[in-house]
Amino acid sequence: MTVDGTAPSRPALRRFMLVAVWLPVALVALGVAVQLLLLLPQAPATIAVHWNASGEADRFAPAWTQPIATVVFGLGVPVLIALTSLPGLRRGDHGPTYRLMGATAAAVSAMVSVALTWTLAMQAGLDSAADAPAVWPALVTSLVAASVAGVAAWFVQPRGESTGAVTPPAIPLALSAHEQALWMRTTSIARGAAIAIFAGVLVIALSAAVAGVTGAEPLLVWFLVGVAVLLLAIAATTLAFHVRVDDSGMHVESVLGIPRYHVPLGDIESAARVDVNPMGEFGGWGLRLSTGGRFGVVLRAGEAIEVLRRSGTRFVVTVDDAATGAALLEALVSRAAARP
């Protein structure tokens, strides 16, 4: 049982496993079995694996790579989704993000299995892969299969919505009329997440280097370089933030200076210490939007300051000693309201 009184939902966990793990395994196994037993013996040694915008085959590979690609892509994404989601689900976390992740895993496996099996089937019996027909029927069918699998997986899983409980404001610190107070902390993303982010940047950068060395189209190379640079910039500006509470409000600023956020004291309705589940509430880590008008600097799971603004929107930042920061904000807001 979790500390907030929410028991881990065993049906939710079982159904997530069903749609995000066992369904992809079954779809990929079926696709690979058809490819190995029925299609590969009839396919040419080299098959088309890429088609241009007009639907004509323009890249080729050994036929035996098709079952391998089906396993790698058809199970790779679902495995990553499961590894990311299962720890939270086992703790009893909930939220529509987990439901979406399960549906995405099912959709990806269905799309890959159908697309790669179909494109191999349409080349069975050909003398040359250059004679491969247009790929459009395979693409349309795979997208339909992905839609059906994703929608079905969404509805198979329980809704798992939060109870909608509102956290009461923090108890204000005791401040005299002219007493000055300042609270500061630095918050940073978990080490494992930071390593994963930079590993992703490195993979993209290496892909760009390989594409350049192997003579890929310049547009693709520059696209990969641009993606790597963009991801590096996003990572560098969101790995750590300084959080400050003073008589002007709450300031949250990246250690590099950008981005920065300021919630003025006069714009604060209340402040509370809350517990944040990044996946369940915000769909991940970083600068995140959520339902209910919430925006967060969400770098890890755990305690956070949540500020309710007078507009009704909420600003959340995960930080240690959030109770003290929220209590000081409440005291400053109360004192400002009491002044003539």
Protein backbone atom coordinates (compact mmCIF):
# COMPACT_ATOMS: atom_id res chain seq x y z
CA MET A 1 0.00 0.00 0.00
CA THR A 2 1.35 3.43 -0.86
CA VAL A 3 1.79 6.16 1.71
CA ASP A 4 -0.94 8.34 0.20
CA GLY A 5 -3.52 5.63 0.69
CA THR A 6 -3.68 4.59 -2.93
CA ALA A 7 -3.25 0.83 -3.29
CA PRO A 8 -1.30 -0.37 -6.32
CA SER A 9 -3.83 -1.33 -8.97
CA ARG A 10 -3.12 -4.93 -9.87
CA PRO A 11 -5.68 -4.96 -12.72
CA ALA A 12 -4.07 -1.83 -14.18
CA LEU A 13 -0.62 -3.41 -13.99
CA ARG A 14 -1.82 -6.68 -15.50
CA ARG A 15 -3.61 -4.96 -18.36
CA PHE A 16 -0.63 -2.72 -19.06
CA MET A 17 1.54 -5.84 -19.26
CA LEU A 18 -1.01 -7.38 -21.58
CA VAL A 19 -1.07 -4.54 -24.11
CA ALA A 20 2.49 -3.22 -23.76
CA VAL A 21 4.43 -6.49 -23.44
CA TRP A 22 2.51 -9.65 -24.27
CA LEU A 23 0.56 -8.26 -27.23
CA PRO A 24 3.73 -6.90 -28.91
CA VAL A 25 5.49 -10.21 -28.27
CA ALA A 26 2.59 -12.11 -29.87
CA LEU A 27 2.34 -9.77 -32.88
CA VAL A 28 6.07 -9.79 -33.55
CA ALA A 29 6.30 -13.57 -33.07
CA LEU A 30 3.46 -14.09 -35.56
CA GLY A 31 5.03 -11.73 -38.08
CA VAL A 32 8.48 -13.30 -37.78
CA ALA A 33 7.03 -16.82 -38.05
CA VAL A 34 5.22 -15.93 -41.28
CA GLN A 35 8.34 -14.31 -42.67
CA LEU A 36 10.66 -17.21 -41.82
CA LEU A 37 8.39 -20.11 -42.71
CA LEU A 38 6.36 -18.82 -45.63
CA LEU A 39 7.95 -15.77 -47.22
CA LEU A 40 11.74 -15.98 -47.03
CA PRO A 41 11.94 -19.22 -49.03
CA GLN A 42 10.11 -17.46 -51.89
CA ALA A 43 11.76 -14.03 -51.67
CA PRO A 44 14.80 -12.94 -53.70
CA ALA A 45 18.11 -12.86 -51.83
CA THR A 46 18.03 -9.06 -51.86
CA ILE A 47 14.79 -7.21 -51.14
CA ALA A 48 13.60 -3.62 -51.24
CA VAL A 49 13.55 -1.99 -47.80
CA HIS A 50 12.91 1.65 -48.69
CA TRP A 51 10.67 3.43 -51.16
CA ASN A 52 10.87 7.05 -52.35
CA ALA A 53 8.07 9.60 -52.28
CA SER A 54 6.62 8.25 -55.53
CA GLY A 55 6.38 4.76 -54.02
CA GLU A 56 9.30 3.25 -55.96
CA ALA A 57 11.90 1.05 -54.32
CA ASP A 58 15.26 2.84 -53.97
CA ARG A 59 17.15 0.99 -51.23
CA PHE A 60 17.82 -2.71 -50.78
CA ALA A 61 19.11 -5.18 -48.18
CA PRO A 62 19.52 -8.95 -47.71
CA ALA A 63 16.16 -10.64 -47.22
CA TRP A 64 17.26 -12.23 -43.92
CA THR A 65 17.43 -8.78 -42.32
CA GLN A 66 13.64 -8.39 -42.47
CA PRO A 67 12.82 -10.70 -39.52
CA ILE A 68 15.63 -9.10 -37.51
CA ALA A 69 14.26 -5.62 -38.22
CA THR A 70 10.80 -6.80 -37.18
CA VAL A 71 12.11 -7.95 -33.80
CA VAL A 72 14.32 -4.90 -33.21
CA PHE A 73 11.73 -2.26 -34.10
CA GLY A 74 8.60 -4.19 -33.21
CA LEU A 75 9.80 -5.02 -29.70
CA GLY A 76 12.41 -2.31 -29.10
CA VAL A 77 9.94 0.52 -28.54
CA PRO A 78 7.52 -1.54 -26.39
CA VAL A 79 10.44 -2.75 -24.24
CA LEU A 80 11.61 0.83 -23.66
CA ILE A 81 8.06 1.89 -22.80
CA ALA A 82 7.68 -1.01 -20.37
CA LEU A 83 11.02 -0.34 -18.67
CA THR A 84 10.02 3.31 -18.22
CA SER A 85 6.47 2.70 -17.01
CA LEU A 86 6.49 -0.49 -14.94
CA PRO A 87 8.39 0.86 -11.89
CA GLY A 88 5.78 3.58 -11.40
CA LEU A 89 2.86 1.24 -11.97
CA ARG A 90 4.25 -1.22 -9.42
CA ARG A 91 4.42 1.61 -6.88
CA GLY A 92 0.73 2.29 -7.45
CA ASP A 93 1.19 5.41 -9.60
CA HIS A 94 -1.64 6.21 -11.98
CA GLY A 95 -2.61 8.65 -14.68
CA PRO A 96 -3.58 8.80 -18.34
CA THR A 97 0.08 8.84 -19.41
CA TYR A 98 0.51 5.18 -18.46
CA ARG A 99 -2.60 4.30 -20.43
CA LEU A 100 -1.26 6.20 -23.44
CA MET A 101 2.13 4.51 -23.16
CA GLY A 102 0.52 1.08 -23.20
CA ALA A 103 -1.57 1.99 -26.23
CA THR A 104 1.53 3.35 -28.00
CA ALA A 105 3.46 0.13 -27.40
CA ALA A 106 0.65 -1.94 -28.92
CA ALA A 107 0.28 0.41 -31.89
CA VAL A 108 3.99 0.44 -32.70
CA SER A 109 4.32 -3.33 -32.61
CA ALA A 110 1.24 -3.75 -34.82
CA MET A 111 2.47 -1.19 -37.35
CA VAL A 112 5.98 -2.66 -37.60
CA SER A 113 4.82 -6.27 -37.76
CA VAL A 114 2.25 -5.62 -40.49
CA ALA A 115 4.43 -3.24 -42.53
CA LEU A 116 7.53 -5.44 -42.63
CA THR A 117 5.60 -8.67 -43.16
CA TRP A 118 3.52 -7.11 -45.96
CA THR A 119 6.51 -5.58 -47.77
CA LEU A 120 8.26 -8.96 -47.68
CA ALA A 121 5.10 -10.77 -48.86
CA MET A 122 4.68 -8.49 -51.87
CA GLN A 123 8.20 -9.40 -53.00
CA ALA A 124 7.77 -13.17 -52.62
CA GLY A 125 8.18 -14.85 -56.00
CA LEU A 126 9.93 -11.90 -57.66
CA ASP A 127 13.13 -12.47 -59.61
CA SER A 128 14.52 -9.09 -58.61
CA ALA A 129 13.80 -6.63 -55.82
CA ALA A 130 13.89 -3.88 -58.44
CA ASP A 131 10.48 -5.16 -59.55
CA ALA A 132 8.93 -4.56 -56.09
CA PRO A 133 5.49 -2.92 -56.37
CA ALA A 134 4.50 0.37 -54.74
CA VAL A 135 4.54 0.38 -50.97
CA TRP A 136 1.34 2.39 -50.39
CA PRO A 137 -0.99 -0.57 -49.66
CA ALA A 138 1.44 -1.85 -47.02
CA LEU A 139 1.73 1.57 -45.41
CA VAL A 140 -2.03 2.15 -45.32
CA THR A 141 -2.70 -1.31 -43.92
CA SER A 142 -0.01 -0.97 -41.25
CA LEU A 143 -1.40 2.41 -40.15
CA VAL A 144 -4.89 0.94 -39.91
CA ALA A 145 -3.53 -1.98 -37.87
CA ALA A 146 -1.69 0.44 -35.58
CA SER A 147 -4.85 2.50 -35.07
CA VAL A 148 -6.95 -0.54 -34.25
CA ALA A 149 -4.36 -1.96 -31.85
CA GLY A 150 -3.77 1.40 -30.16
CA VAL A 151 -7.45 2.19 -29.67
CA ALA A 152 -8.20 -1.33 -28.42
CA ALA A 153 -5.24 -1.18 -25.99
CA TRP A 154 -6.44 2.19 -24.70
CA PHE A 155 -9.90 0.87 -23.83
CA VAL A 156 -8.63 -2.44 -22.45
CA GLN A 157 -6.75 -0.57 -19.73
CA PRO A 158 -8.63 0.92 -16.75
CA ARG A 159 -9.04 4.68 -16.67
CA GLY A 160 -6.85 5.04 -13.59
CA GLU A 161 -7.74 8.68 -13.03
CA SER A 162 -6.66 10.46 -9.89
CA THR A 163 -9.15 11.11 -7.15
CA GLY A 164 -8.95 14.87 -7.71
CA ALA A 165 -7.99 15.54 -4.07
CA VAL A 166 -6.72 19.06 -3.52
CA THR A 167 -3.65 19.53 -1.35
CA PRO A 168 -4.28 22.18 1.32
CA PRO A 169 -1.96 25.21 1.42
CA ALA A 170 1.14 25.01 3.57
CA ILE A 171 1.01 26.33 7.15
CA PRO A 172 2.67 29.77 6.99
CA LEU A 173 5.95 30.39 8.76
CA ALA A 174 5.84 32.92 11.57
CA LEU A 175 7.14 36.24 10.20
CA SER A 176 7.07 39.66 11.83
CA ALA A 177 5.86 42.68 9.89
CA HIS A 178 9.33 43.78 8.77
CA GLU A 179 11.32 40.56 9.01
CA GLN A 180 13.31 39.62 5.90
CA ALA A 181 13.39 35.98 4.80
CA LEU A 182 15.03 34.12 1.93
CA TRP A 183 14.87 30.44 0.95
CA MET A 184 17.07 28.96 -1.80
CA ARG A 185 17.70 25.49 -3.15
CA THR A 186 19.18 23.92 -6.29
CA THR A 187 17.34 21.04 -7.89
CA SER A 188 18.72 18.73 -10.56
CA ILE A 189 17.59 15.81 -12.63
CA ALA A 190 18.39 12.31 -11.40
CA ARG A 191 21.77 10.95 -12.48
CA GLY A 192 20.25 8.03 -14.37
CA ALA A 193 17.98 10.34 -16.34
CA ALA A 194 20.90 12.66 -17.14
CA ILE A 195 22.94 9.72 -18.41
CA ALA A 196 20.00 8.55 -20.54
CA ILE A 197 19.56 12.04 -22.03
CA PHE A 198 23.20 12.41 -22.99
CA ALA A 199 23.28 8.83 -24.28
CA GLY A 200 20.40 9.75 -26.60
CA VAL A 201 22.28 12.84 -27.78
CA LEU A 202 25.37 10.70 -28.38
CA VAL A 203 23.40 8.16 -30.40
CA ILE A 204 21.97 10.89 -32.63
CA ALA A 205 25.41 12.48 -33.04
CA LEU A 206 26.98 9.12 -33.96
CA SER A 207 24.14 8.49 -36.42
CA ALA A 208 24.92 11.82 -38.07
CA ALA A 209 28.62 10.91 -38.26
CA VAL A 210 27.88 7.48 -39.74
CA ALA A 211 25.46 8.99 -42.25
CA GLY A 212 28.11 11.49 -43.33
CA VAL A 213 30.84 8.87 -43.68
CA THR A 214 28.65 6.42 -45.61
CA GLY A 215 27.60 9.04 -48.16
CA ALA A 216 24.00 9.55 -47.08
CA GLU A 217 22.04 12.46 -48.47
CA PRO A 218 23.36 15.80 -47.11
CA LEU A 219 19.84 16.78 -46.04
CA LEU A 220 19.63 13.73 -43.76
CA VAL A 221 23.08 14.40 -42.30
CA TRP A 222 22.28 18.03 -41.49
CA PHE A 223 18.91 17.02 -40.08
CA LEU A 224 20.58 14.58 -37.66
CA VAL A 225 23.19 17.19 -36.72
CA GLY A 226 20.43 19.72 -36.05
CA VAL A 227 18.52 17.25 -33.90
CA ALA A 228 21.65 16.43 -31.89
CA VAL A 229 22.44 20.11 -31.30
CA LEU A 230 18.84 20.85 -30.33
CA LEU A 231 18.72 17.94 -27.87
CA LEU A 232 22.05 18.99 -26.38
CA ALA A 233 20.79 22.56 -25.90
CA ILE A 234 17.55 21.35 -24.30
CA ALA A 235 19.46 19.00 -22.00
CA ALA A 236 22.01 21.64 -20.96
CA THR A 237 19.31 24.17 -20.06
CA THR A 238 17.02 21.80 -18.15
CA LEU A 239 19.35 19.57 -16.11
CA ALA A 240 19.46 21.83 -13.04
CA PHE A 241 17.61 24.88 -11.68
CA HIS A 242 18.04 27.37 -8.86
CA VAL A 243 14.84 27.93 -6.85
CA ARG A 244 14.46 31.06 -4.71
CA VAL A 245 11.62 32.35 -2.54
CA ASP A 246 11.74 35.94 -1.28
CA ASP A 247 9.41 38.91 -0.77
CA SER A 248 9.04 39.31 -4.55
CA GLY A 249 7.68 35.78 -5.08
CA MET A 250 9.18 32.55 -6.40
CA HIS A 251 12.03 32.47 -8.91
CA VAL A 252 13.03 29.33 -10.83
CA GLU A 253 16.05 29.72 -13.10
CA SER A 254 18.20 27.27 -15.04
CA VAL A 255 21.83 27.18 -13.92
CA LEU A 256 22.69 28.50 -17.39
CA GLY A 257 20.35 31.46 -16.95
CA ILE A 258 17.68 30.33 -19.41
CA PRO A 259 14.92 29.44 -19.15
CA ARG A 260 13.80 31.40 -16.10
CA TYR A 261 10.40 31.75 -14.45
CA HIS A 262 9.08 34.24 -11.90
CA VAL A 263 5.76 34.03 -10.09
CA PRO A 264 5.21 37.45 -8.45
CA LEU A 265 3.99 37.47 -4.86
CA GLY A 266 0.85 39.39 -5.88
CA ASP A 267 -0.01 36.67 -8.39
CA ILE A 268 0.06 33.85 -5.81
CA GLU A 269 -3.21 32.57 -4.36
CA SER A 270 -1.61 29.83 -2.28
CA ALA A 271 1.39 27.51 -2.08
CA ALA A 272 1.58 23.87 -1.02
CA ARG A 273 4.04 21.04 -0.64
CA VAL A 274 2.98 18.18 -2.94
CA ASP A 275 4.33 14.83 -4.13
CA VAL A 276 4.85 14.59 -7.89
CA ASN A 277 4.77 11.51 -10.10
CA PRO A 278 6.46 12.67 -13.34
CA MET A 279 5.13 9.93 -15.62
CA GLY A 280 1.64 9.72 -14.22
CA GLU A 281 1.02 13.47 -13.86
CA PHE A 282 3.24 15.11 -16.48
CA GLY A 283 4.11 12.38 -18.95
CA GLY A 284 7.84 12.59 -18.25
CA TRP A 285 10.62 14.82 -16.99
CA GLY A 286 11.74 18.34 -17.84
CA LEU A 287 9.58 21.37 -18.60
CA ARG A 288 6.15 19.78 -18.73
CA LEU A 289 2.49 20.67 -19.21
CA SER A 290 -0.24 18.66 -17.54
CA THR A 291 -4.00 18.66 -17.24
CA GLY A 292 -5.78 21.13 -15.00
CA GLY A 293 -3.66 24.11 -16.05
CA ARG A 294 -0.45 22.78 -14.51
CA PHE A 295 3.03 23.65 -15.75
CA GLY A 296 6.04 22.12 -14.09
CA VAL A 297 9.80 22.09 -13.86
CA VAL A 298 9.76 18.37 -13.14
CA LEU A 299 13.24 16.93 -12.72
CA ARG A 300 12.47 13.92 -10.52
CA ALA A 301 9.77 12.18 -8.55
CA GLY A 302 9.01 13.28 -5.02
CA GLU A 303 8.36 16.50 -3.15
CA ALA A 304 7.64 19.76 -4.93
CA ILE A 305 6.29 23.25 -4.41
CA GLU A 306 2.97 23.85 -6.17
CA VAL A 307 1.88 27.47 -6.53
CA LEU A 308 -1.75 28.23 -7.31
CA ARG A 309 -1.86 31.49 -9.26
CA ARG A 310 -4.79 33.89 -9.12
CA SER A 311 -5.57 32.97 -12.73
CA GLY A 312 -6.28 29.40 -11.60
CA THR A 313 -3.18 27.89 -13.23
CA ARG A 314 -0.61 26.00 -11.20
CA PHE A 315 3.19 26.14 -11.31
CA VAL A 316 5.11 23.15 -9.95
CA VAL A 317 8.82 22.69 -9.29
CA THR A 318 10.34 19.55 -7.79
CA VAL A 319 12.84 20.52 -5.10
CA ASP A 320 14.14 19.34 -1.74
CA ASP A 321 12.72 20.91 1.43
CA ALA A 322 9.62 21.93 -0.52
CA ALA A 323 7.61 22.22 2.72
CA THR A 324 9.77 25.09 3.96
CA GLY A 325 9.67 26.91 0.62
CA ALA A 326 5.88 26.59 0.41
CA ALA A 327 5.45 27.68 4.04
CA LEU A 328 7.56 30.79 3.47
CA LEU A 329 5.56 31.65 0.35
CA GLU A 330 2.33 31.31 2.33
CA ALA A 331 3.71 33.57 5.06
CA LEU A 332 4.83 36.22 2.56
CA VAL A 333 1.48 36.13 0.74
CA SER A 334 -0.47 36.42 4.01
CA ARG A 335 1.68 39.28 5.24
CA ALA A 336 1.34 41.17 1.95
CA ALA A 337 -2.46 40.70 2.05
CA ALA A 338 -2.64 42.03 5.61
CA ARG A 339 -0.85 45.26 4.80
CA PRO A 340 -3.07 48.31 4.24
